[in-house]
Amino acid sequence: MNPLAQELNDQLTKHNPHVLEMLSDLGKNLFFPKGILTQSAEAKDKAHKYNATIGIATEKGGPMFLQCIQDKLSAFDPKDIYPYAPPAGKPELRALWTEKMLRENPSQQGKHFSNPIVTNALTHGLSIVGDMFVDKGDHLILPDMLWGNYNLTFGTCNGAIVKKFPTFTPSGGFDVDAFRSTLQESAKEKGKVVVLLNFPNNPSGYTPTVAEGDAIVAALLEVAKAGCNVVAIADDAYFGLFYEDSLKESLFGKFANLHPRILAIKLDGATKEEFVWGFRTGFITFADGNSAENAPVITALEKKAMGIIRAKISNCPHPSQTFVIEALRSPQFLAQKEEKFKIMKGRALKTKEVLNNSKYEKAWDYYPFNSGYFMCLKLKTVEAEKLRVHLLDKYGVGAISTTKTDLRIAFSCIAEENIQELFDIIFQGVQDLA
């Protein structure tokens, strides 16, 4: 083991050995090298005559660039576009995102957590978590309505055993009892569990109520007190798109500093929150089970995360970080974001209004939804994949079949005035096949 990795592990052993136990074999071996980047950082501060350290080309005191590219990006200083960004992300962006998290998540106020590290969008954050905390055979607890890429990221790439629980009760609420039961079974069997909760949920479009959220937190605390190590991941990809009765903040704030055996991880990003999908700018934030005096634990985790970023992609794109900084600093940012939120909420409420028409009762039920981009139909008379193909071939309408009975509809990309027609076409498709 590299001495730098051992040093970080020793920090964890001293300040919270449970976190060290949570790490995968790879996670234990991770470190941030004191190599070119460290030497370049020192040179940036002290090399006042010539700086021949970093691997970029310079010209006239700044980064070299092609004018045909700069002409399209003339609003931005070349130094904020072309050089490499720091491995953990631009400090200004990390500070602004911290301010945003605290503003939007009251339960995070007063908690001790890491400075968010920039990732290449949220999927990269999931990959980092898998590499750091998941060994072959570890249990990953997920609702049965889940984003399929979790299977690839954690199952195929990291060897996790996925343990699913029913997302909803028969009456339509989040099935906390099923979650607790699955959690307890894995806790007894493994002594370590990785819990991944995605709210607003993809594909269902559901976010728990405040009471359901409190019950989820209580279930985690119960198994932690019983001696199980818990890696609690909040996948907040669609954060902020809360339309009706639900939590209006991330569960991360409630997981943070809850118990020494609970490590909370928040994955979020500008990707969907700020409607910049192609920017690929996300964040990973850690909070262990103790308060501010446990800063060495957070420092060790940050350095291990930076190590895997350095090893796999070196660093994240610089231009998109600059663009997000400019947006977060803009006086128009909050008003423009609220405008888009209202459009999204209007589409969600219109979808629910249309679906409540009794004419659809024989064709489908729909799962609860109150947030995010999506909702799911539960088909009664036809298979979802057959209907999907039929809708595409005959009517030019696209949807996603997620199970034999479930069809996911992204109301996020359908104008409000077209939602009635969309479901009428889907209904006609059901009748065609039935």
Protein backbone atom coordinates (compact mmCIF):
# COMPACT_ATOMS: atom_id res chain seq x y z
CA MET A 1 0.00 0.00 0.00
CA ASN A 2 1.25 3.48 -0.85
CA PRO A 3 2.38 5.36 2.28
CA LEU A 4 0.02 8.23 1.42
CA ALA A 5 -2.95 5.85 1.39
CA GLN A 6 -1.81 4.35 4.68
CA GLU A 7 -1.58 7.83 6.16
CA LEU A 8 -5.18 8.56 5.18
CA ASN A 9 -6.31 5.21 6.57
CA ASP A 10 -4.52 5.95 9.83
CA GLN A 11 -6.46 9.21 10.05
CA LEU A 12 -9.70 7.28 9.64
CA THR A 13 -8.65 4.67 12.20
CA LYS A 14 -7.93 7.40 14.74
CA HIS A 15 -11.02 9.54 14.16
CA ASN A 16 -13.72 7.11 12.92
CA PRO A 17 -12.69 3.51 12.22
CA HIS A 18 -16.20 2.68 11.03
CA VAL A 19 -15.61 4.78 7.91
CA LEU A 20 -12.43 2.86 7.17
CA GLU A 21 -14.47 -0.37 7.43
CA MET A 22 -16.94 1.01 4.87
CA LEU A 23 -14.25 1.53 2.23
CA SER A 24 -13.76 -1.03 -0.51
CA ASP A 25 -10.37 -2.62 -1.02
CA LEU A 26 -9.76 -0.04 -3.73
CA GLY A 27 -11.03 2.73 -1.46
CA LYS A 28 -8.52 1.76 1.22
CA ASN A 29 -5.71 1.97 -1.33
CA LEU A 30 -6.70 5.35 -2.78
CA PHE A 31 -4.67 8.50 -2.17
CA PHE A 32 -4.00 11.82 -3.86
CA PRO A 33 -0.44 11.81 -5.21
CA LYS A 34 2.11 14.46 -4.28
CA GLY A 35 3.40 14.58 -7.82
CA ILE A 36 3.11 16.91 -10.77
CA LEU A 37 -0.03 18.65 -9.52
CA THR A 38 1.43 19.41 -6.10
CA GLN A 39 4.68 20.68 -7.57
CA SER A 40 2.77 22.78 -10.12
CA ALA A 41 0.66 24.32 -7.34
CA GLU A 42 3.83 25.29 -5.47
CA ALA A 43 5.33 26.72 -8.64
CA LYS A 44 2.19 28.77 -9.29
CA ASP A 45 2.78 30.55 -5.99
CA LYS A 46 6.56 30.92 -6.14
CA ALA A 47 7.84 30.65 -9.73
CA HIS A 48 7.85 34.37 -10.48
CA LYS A 49 10.41 34.15 -13.30
CA TYR A 50 9.58 31.01 -15.33
CA ASN A 51 7.03 28.30 -14.58
CA ALA A 52 7.92 25.18 -16.57
CA THR A 53 5.76 22.73 -14.63
CA ILE A 54 2.25 22.33 -16.00
CA GLY A 55 1.55 20.57 -19.28
CA ILE A 56 -0.16 23.33 -21.22
CA ALA A 57 1.12 25.70 -23.89
CA THR A 58 1.26 29.41 -23.06
CA GLU A 59 1.54 32.57 -25.10
CA LYS A 60 1.69 36.24 -24.15
CA GLY A 61 1.30 35.49 -20.46
CA GLY A 62 -1.77 33.30 -20.80
CA PRO A 63 -2.92 29.98 -22.21
CA MET A 64 -2.41 29.41 -25.92
CA PHE A 65 -5.65 29.12 -27.91
CA LEU A 66 -7.09 29.10 -31.40
CA GLN A 67 -8.80 32.34 -32.32
CA CYS A 68 -11.56 30.51 -34.20
CA ILE A 69 -12.60 28.95 -30.88
CA GLN A 70 -12.12 32.07 -28.79
CA ASP A 71 -14.28 34.05 -31.22
CA LYS A 72 -17.22 31.87 -30.14
CA LEU A 73 -16.35 32.26 -26.44
CA SER A 74 -15.33 35.89 -26.44
CA ALA A 75 -17.40 36.70 -23.35
CA PHE A 76 -14.98 34.65 -21.25
CA ASP A 77 -11.37 35.25 -20.29
CA PRO A 78 -9.12 32.56 -21.82
CA LYS A 79 -7.73 31.75 -18.37
CA ASP A 80 -11.24 30.64 -17.34
CA ILE A 81 -11.69 28.33 -20.34
CA TYR A 82 -8.51 26.67 -21.59
CA PRO A 83 -6.22 25.62 -18.71
CA TYR A 84 -6.88 22.50 -16.66
CA ALA A 85 -9.30 22.96 -13.78
CA PRO A 86 -8.09 21.80 -10.34
CA PRO A 87 -8.71 18.08 -9.64
CA ALA A 88 -11.41 18.88 -7.07
CA GLY A 89 -12.95 21.61 -9.21
CA LYS A 90 -12.73 25.38 -9.28
CA PRO A 91 -12.70 26.78 -5.72
CA GLU A 92 -15.20 29.51 -6.64
CA LEU A 93 -17.68 26.93 -7.93
CA ARG A 94 -17.31 24.72 -4.88
CA ALA A 95 -17.93 27.68 -2.58
CA LEU A 96 -20.98 28.84 -4.56
CA TRP A 97 -22.44 25.33 -4.58
CA THR A 98 -21.99 25.11 -0.80
CA GLU A 99 -23.89 28.38 -0.40
CA LYS A 100 -26.65 27.03 -2.65
CA MET A 101 -26.92 23.76 -0.70
CA LEU A 102 -27.23 25.58 2.61
CA ARG A 103 -29.81 28.00 1.21
CA GLU A 104 -31.98 25.20 -0.17
CA ASN A 105 -31.54 22.59 2.59
CA PRO A 106 -32.37 23.93 6.06
CA SER A 107 -31.51 20.61 7.73
CA GLN A 108 -27.92 20.98 6.48
CA GLN A 109 -27.47 24.18 8.46
CA GLY A 110 -25.05 23.68 11.34
CA LYS A 111 -23.90 20.29 10.06
CA HIS A 112 -20.30 19.37 9.32
CA PHE A 113 -19.74 18.24 5.74
CA SER A 114 -17.07 18.37 3.08
CA ASN A 115 -16.54 21.03 0.49
CA PRO A 116 -18.35 19.61 -2.59
CA ILE A 117 -15.95 18.08 -5.11
CA VAL A 118 -16.71 18.62 -8.80
CA THR A 119 -17.54 15.48 -10.77
CA ASN A 120 -18.17 14.90 -14.46
CA ALA A 121 -21.92 15.03 -13.74
CA LEU A 122 -23.80 12.79 -11.37
CA THR A 123 -23.09 9.46 -13.06
CA HIS A 124 -19.39 10.06 -12.46
CA GLY A 125 -20.22 10.68 -8.81
CA LEU A 126 -21.99 7.33 -8.64
CA SER A 127 -18.91 5.69 -10.15
CA ILE A 128 -16.68 7.32 -7.53
CA VAL A 129 -18.93 6.01 -4.77
CA GLY A 130 -18.88 2.53 -6.28
CA ASP A 131 -15.09 2.50 -6.51
CA MET A 132 -14.59 3.87 -3.01
CA PHE A 133 -17.16 1.88 -1.07
CA VAL A 134 -18.42 -1.19 -2.95
CA ASP A 135 -16.63 -4.53 -3.03
CA LYS A 136 -17.86 -7.63 -4.82
CA GLY A 137 -20.72 -9.11 -2.79
CA ASP A 138 -21.61 -5.94 -0.89
CA HIS A 139 -25.34 -5.29 -0.64
CA LEU A 140 -26.81 -2.26 -2.40
CA ILE A 141 -30.34 -1.44 -1.26
CA LEU A 142 -32.60 0.16 -3.86
CA PRO A 143 -36.33 0.60 -4.48
CA ASP A 144 -37.65 -1.64 -7.23
CA MET A 145 -38.48 1.44 -9.30
CA LEU A 146 -34.93 2.46 -10.12
CA TRP A 147 -32.71 3.99 -12.78
CA GLY A 148 -31.34 1.06 -14.75
CA ASN A 149 -27.82 2.47 -14.89
CA TYR A 150 -27.39 1.64 -11.20
CA ASN A 151 -27.20 -2.03 -12.18
CA LEU A 152 -24.38 -1.31 -14.62
CA THR A 153 -22.46 1.04 -12.33
CA PHE A 154 -22.66 -0.88 -9.07
CA GLY A 155 -23.53 -4.40 -10.20
CA THR A 156 -21.51 -4.96 -13.35
CA CYS A 157 -18.60 -2.64 -12.54
CA ASN A 158 -18.30 -3.14 -8.78
CA GLY A 159 -19.93 -6.53 -8.15
CA ALA A 160 -22.61 -5.32 -5.75
CA ILE A 161 -25.60 -7.54 -4.98
CA VAL A 162 -28.68 -5.41 -5.53
CA LYS A 163 -31.37 -5.86 -2.89
CA LYS A 164 -34.67 -4.34 -4.02
CA PHE A 165 -37.70 -3.44 -1.95
CA PRO A 166 -41.18 -2.41 -3.17
CA THR A 167 -41.23 1.34 -3.77
CA PHE A 168 -44.89 1.83 -2.91
CA THR A 169 -47.43 0.44 -0.48
CA PRO A 170 -50.78 -0.75 -1.92
CA SER A 171 -52.29 2.54 -0.75
CA GLY A 172 -49.71 4.55 -2.65
CA GLY A 173 -47.17 5.83 -0.12
CA PHE A 174 -43.47 5.12 0.03
CA ASP A 175 -43.08 1.62 1.50
CA VAL A 176 -40.96 2.43 4.54
CA ASP A 177 -41.73 -0.94 6.15
CA ALA A 178 -40.39 -2.81 3.12
CA PHE A 179 -37.32 -0.58 3.09
CA ARG A 180 -36.71 -1.19 6.79
CA SER A 181 -37.15 -4.95 6.42
CA THR A 182 -34.70 -5.19 3.50
CA LEU A 183 -32.24 -2.94 5.33
CA GLN A 184 -32.36 -5.05 8.48
CA GLU A 185 -31.93 -8.32 6.59
CA SER A 186 -28.82 -7.04 4.83
CA ALA A 187 -27.47 -5.49 8.01
CA LYS A 188 -27.66 -8.84 9.82
CA GLU A 189 -26.10 -10.72 6.93
CA LYS A 190 -23.29 -8.34 5.97
CA GLY A 191 -22.64 -5.86 8.78
CA LYS A 192 -22.36 -3.20 6.07
CA VAL A 193 -25.00 -1.84 3.71
CA VAL A 194 -24.95 0.69 0.91
CA VAL A 195 -28.29 2.51 0.62
CA LEU A 196 -29.05 4.52 -2.51
CA LEU A 197 -32.12 6.73 -2.51
CA ASN A 198 -32.99 8.84 -5.55
CA PHE A 199 -35.58 11.60 -4.92
CA PRO A 200 -37.28 12.86 -6.99
CA ASN A 201 -37.24 9.28 -8.18
CA ASN A 202 -36.46 8.15 -11.71
CA PRO A 203 -38.67 6.55 -13.07
CA SER A 204 -41.64 7.14 -10.75
CA GLY A 205 -41.37 10.89 -10.16
CA TYR A 206 -42.04 10.43 -6.45
CA THR A 207 -40.49 12.17 -3.45
CA PRO A 208 -41.45 10.99 0.07
CA THR A 209 -43.49 13.09 2.43
CA VAL A 210 -41.81 14.66 5.44
CA ALA A 211 -43.14 11.85 7.64
CA GLU A 212 -41.86 9.19 5.23
CA GLY A 213 -38.48 10.89 5.09
CA ASP A 214 -38.25 10.91 8.89
CA ALA A 215 -39.14 7.20 8.93
CA ILE A 216 -36.35 6.45 6.42
CA VAL A 217 -33.86 8.29 8.64
CA ALA A 218 -35.11 6.41 11.71
CA ALA A 219 -34.64 3.07 9.93
CA LEU A 220 -31.02 3.90 9.09
CA LEU A 221 -30.32 5.04 12.63
CA GLU A 222 -31.84 1.84 14.02
CA VAL A 223 -29.50 -0.48 12.11
CA ALA A 224 -26.50 1.77 12.81
CA LYS A 225 -27.16 1.61 16.55
CA ALA A 226 -27.37 -2.17 16.20
CA GLY A 227 -23.80 -2.23 14.87
CA CYS A 228 -24.15 -2.04 11.08
CA ASN A 229 -22.06 0.35 8.96
CA VAL A 230 -24.26 2.33 6.55
CA VAL A 231 -23.17 4.21 3.43
CA ALA A 232 -26.23 6.43 2.83
CA ILE A 233 -26.27 7.97 -0.66
CA ALA A 234 -28.68 10.71 -1.68
CA ASP A 235 -28.91 10.82 -5.48
CA ASP A 236 -30.34 14.31 -5.90
CA ALA A 237 -30.20 14.48 -9.68
CA TYR A 238 -33.62 16.14 -9.94
CA PHE A 239 -33.31 18.20 -6.78
CA GLY A 240 -35.59 21.21 -6.45
CA LEU A 241 -38.34 19.96 -8.77
CA PHE A 242 -40.85 19.40 -5.95
CA TYR A 243 -44.41 20.18 -7.07
CA GLU A 244 -46.79 18.88 -4.42
CA ASP A 245 -46.84 17.43 -0.90
CA SER A 246 -43.33 16.09 -0.33
CA LEU A 247 -39.97 16.77 1.22
CA LYS A 248 -38.56 19.98 -0.20
CA GLU A 249 -34.94 19.23 0.62
CA SER A 250 -32.39 16.45 0.38
CA LEU A 251 -32.29 13.65 2.95
CA PHE A 252 -28.53 14.24 3.06
CA GLY A 253 -28.99 16.96 5.68
CA LYS A 254 -30.78 14.51 7.96
CA PHE A 255 -28.24 11.72 7.34
CA ALA A 256 -25.30 14.02 8.06
CA ASN A 257 -23.65 13.67 11.51
CA LEU A 258 -26.43 11.28 12.56
CA HIS A 259 -24.32 8.39 13.92
CA PRO A 260 -20.64 7.32 13.75
CA ARG A 261 -21.65 4.27 11.68
CA ILE A 262 -23.53 6.34 9.07
CA LEU A 263 -21.58 7.99 6.26
CA ALA A 264 -23.76 10.36 4.25
CA ILE A 265 -22.98 11.13 0.61
CA LYS A 266 -24.77 13.72 -1.52
CA LEU A 267 -24.62 13.48 -5.30
CA ASP A 268 -26.10 16.39 -7.20
CA GLY A 269 -25.28 18.77 -10.02
CA ALA A 270 -26.09 21.61 -12.30
CA THR A 271 -27.03 19.05 -14.97
CA LYS A 272 -30.77 19.02 -14.34
CA GLU A 273 -31.09 21.57 -11.55
CA GLU A 274 -29.94 24.37 -13.83
CA PHE A 275 -31.08 22.79 -17.13
CA VAL A 276 -27.54 22.32 -18.49
CA TRP A 277 -27.49 18.61 -19.28
CA GLY A 278 -24.56 18.77 -21.69
CA PHE A 279 -22.31 20.67 -19.28
CA ARG A 280 -21.71 17.48 -17.26
CA THR A 281 -21.06 19.33 -14.02
CA GLY A 282 -21.90 17.48 -10.81
CA PHE A 283 -20.75 17.31 -7.19
CA ILE A 284 -20.01 14.79 -4.46
CA THR A 285 -20.24 15.83 -0.81
CA PHE A 286 -19.43 13.75 2.29
CA ALA A 287 -20.64 13.97 5.89
CA ASP A 288 -19.64 11.43 8.50
CA GLY A 289 -21.36 10.62 11.77
CA ASN A 290 -19.61 13.15 13.95
CA SER A 291 -19.43 16.90 14.28
CA ALA A 292 -16.86 19.51 13.36
CA GLU A 293 -14.04 18.08 15.45
CA ASN A 294 -13.89 15.15 13.05
CA ALA A 295 -12.50 17.16 10.13
CA PRO A 296 -9.69 14.63 9.48
CA VAL A 297 -12.27 12.04 8.37
CA ILE A 298 -13.69 14.40 5.77
CA THR A 299 -10.19 15.41 4.64
CA ALA A 300 -9.23 11.77 4.12
CA LEU A 301 -12.36 11.06 2.09
CA GLU A 302 -11.84 14.16 -0.04
CA LYS A 303 -8.27 13.12 -0.84
CA LYS A 304 -9.34 9.59 -1.73
CA ALA A 305 -12.08 10.95 -4.01
CA MET A 306 -9.57 13.30 -5.62
CA GLY A 307 -7.26 10.33 -6.07
CA ILE A 308 -9.81 8.31 -8.05
CA ILE A 309 -10.64 11.40 -10.16
CA ARG A 310 -6.94 11.91 -10.85
CA ALA A 311 -6.53 8.23 -11.74
CA LYS A 312 -9.56 7.93 -14.03
CA ILE A 313 -10.14 11.32 -15.72
CA SER A 314 -7.47 13.66 -14.26
CA ASN A 315 -9.96 16.51 -13.80
CA CYS A 316 -13.36 17.73 -14.95
CA PRO A 317 -13.96 20.15 -17.87
CA HIS A 318 -13.05 23.75 -17.13
CA PRO A 319 -15.41 25.70 -19.45
CA SER A 320 -18.61 24.22 -18.03
CA GLN A 321 -17.48 25.03 -14.50
CA THR A 322 -16.92 28.63 -15.54
CA PHE A 323 -20.36 28.77 -17.18
CA VAL A 324 -22.05 27.47 -14.02
CA ILE A 325 -20.16 29.98 -11.88
CA GLU A 326 -21.43 32.79 -14.10
CA ALA A 327 -24.99 31.49 -13.81
CA LEU A 328 -24.91 31.16 -10.02
CA ARG A 329 -23.58 34.70 -9.74
CA SER A 330 -26.12 36.19 -12.12
CA PRO A 331 -28.75 38.54 -10.62
CA GLN A 332 -31.28 36.92 -12.94
CA PHE A 333 -30.48 33.34 -11.92
CA LEU A 334 -33.16 32.74 -9.28
CA ALA A 335 -35.94 34.45 -11.23
CA GLN A 336 -35.15 32.55 -14.43
CA LYS A 337 -34.94 29.28 -12.55
CA GLU A 338 -38.33 29.93 -10.93
CA GLU A 339 -39.80 30.60 -14.35
CA LYS A 340 -38.65 27.20 -15.62
CA PHE A 341 -39.84 25.51 -12.42
CA LYS A 342 -43.34 26.85 -12.98
CA ILE A 343 -43.37 25.42 -16.50
CA MET A 344 -42.30 22.02 -15.18
CA LYS A 345 -44.86 22.11 -12.38
CA GLY A 346 -47.58 23.03 -14.85
CA ARG A 347 -46.74 19.98 -16.96
CA ALA A 348 -46.78 17.69 -13.92
CA LEU A 349 -50.13 18.96 -12.66
CA LYS A 350 -51.64 18.83 -16.13
CA THR A 351 -50.48 15.23 -16.46
CA LYS A 352 -52.21 14.32 -13.20
CA GLU A 353 -55.37 16.15 -14.26
CA VAL A 354 -55.49 14.25 -17.55
CA LEU A 355 -54.81 10.89 -15.92
CA ASN A 356 -57.63 11.32 -13.42
CA ASN A 357 -60.13 10.97 -16.26
CA SER A 358 -62.12 7.79 -15.63
CA LYS A 359 -61.94 6.77 -19.31
CA TYR A 360 -58.43 5.41 -18.71
CA GLU A 361 -59.37 3.18 -15.76
CA LYS A 362 -59.58 -0.07 -17.72
CA ALA A 363 -56.26 0.57 -19.47
CA TRP A 364 -53.98 1.54 -16.61
CA ASP A 365 -53.38 2.82 -13.13
CA TYR A 366 -50.62 5.31 -12.44
CA TYR A 367 -48.04 5.30 -9.69
CA PRO A 368 -47.88 8.27 -7.31
CA PHE A 369 -45.83 11.19 -8.58
CA ASN A 370 -45.26 14.65 -7.16
CA SER A 371 -41.86 15.80 -8.47
CA GLY A 372 -39.09 15.45 -11.02
CA TYR A 373 -39.33 14.66 -14.74
CA PHE A 374 -41.29 11.43 -14.93
CA MET A 375 -44.33 9.37 -14.06
CA CYS A 376 -45.16 5.71 -14.71
CA LEU A 377 -48.27 4.00 -15.98
CA LYS A 378 -49.09 0.52 -14.66
CA LEU A 379 -50.70 -1.19 -17.63
CA LYS A 380 -53.56 -3.62 -17.05
CA THR A 381 -54.19 -5.30 -20.39
CA VAL A 382 -51.05 -5.11 -22.55
CA GLU A 383 -47.32 -5.56 -22.08
CA ALA A 384 -45.31 -2.36 -21.79
CA GLU A 385 -42.67 -3.31 -24.37
CA LYS A 386 -45.27 -4.30 -26.96
CA LEU A 387 -47.09 -1.03 -26.39
CA ARG A 388 -43.86 0.96 -26.59
CA VAL A 389 -42.97 -0.50 -29.98
CA HIS A 390 -46.54 -0.11 -31.27
CA LEU A 391 -46.71 3.55 -30.22
CA LEU A 392 -43.41 4.23 -31.91
CA ASP A 393 -44.20 2.40 -35.15
CA LYS A 394 -47.81 3.49 -35.66
CA TYR A 395 -48.05 6.90 -33.97
CA GLY A 396 -44.48 8.20 -33.75
CA VAL A 397 -44.73 8.46 -29.96
CA GLY A 398 -41.80 7.46 -27.75
CA ALA A 399 -41.96 6.15 -24.18
CA ILE A 400 -39.83 3.85 -22.03
CA SER A 401 -40.87 0.37 -20.88
CA THR A 402 -39.22 -0.29 -17.51
CA THR A 403 -40.92 -3.58 -16.58
CA LYS A 404 -43.50 -5.90 -18.13
CA THR A 405 -46.30 -3.66 -16.84
CA ASP A 406 -44.70 -0.23 -16.40
CA LEU A 407 -44.38 2.50 -19.03
CA ARG A 408 -42.38 5.62 -18.13
CA ILE A 409 -43.56 8.95 -19.48
CA ALA A 410 -41.27 12.00 -19.37
CA PHE A 411 -43.75 14.85 -19.01
CA SER A 412 -40.71 17.12 -18.67
CA CYS A 413 -40.32 17.22 -22.45
CA ILE A 414 -44.01 17.54 -23.41
CA ALA A 415 -45.58 20.99 -23.69
CA GLU A 416 -48.55 21.38 -21.35
CA GLU A 417 -50.97 21.88 -24.23
CA ASN A 418 -49.92 18.55 -25.78
CA ILE A 419 -50.26 16.34 -22.71
CA GLN A 420 -53.92 15.47 -23.28
CA GLU A 421 -53.19 14.35 -26.84
CA LEU A 422 -50.20 12.30 -25.70
CA PHE A 423 -52.23 10.18 -23.30
CA ASP A 424 -55.10 9.86 -25.74
CA ILE A 425 -52.65 8.36 -28.24
CA ILE A 426 -51.24 6.00 -25.61
CA PHE A 427 -54.81 4.99 -24.74
CA GLN A 428 -55.57 4.35 -28.40
CA GLY A 429 -52.43 2.25 -28.61
CA VAL A 430 -53.64 0.12 -25.69
CA GLN A 431 -57.00 -0.35 -27.42
CA ASP A 432 -55.27 -1.33 -30.66
CA LEU A 433 -53.34 -4.11 -28.93
CA ALA A 434 -56.11 -5.22 -26.60
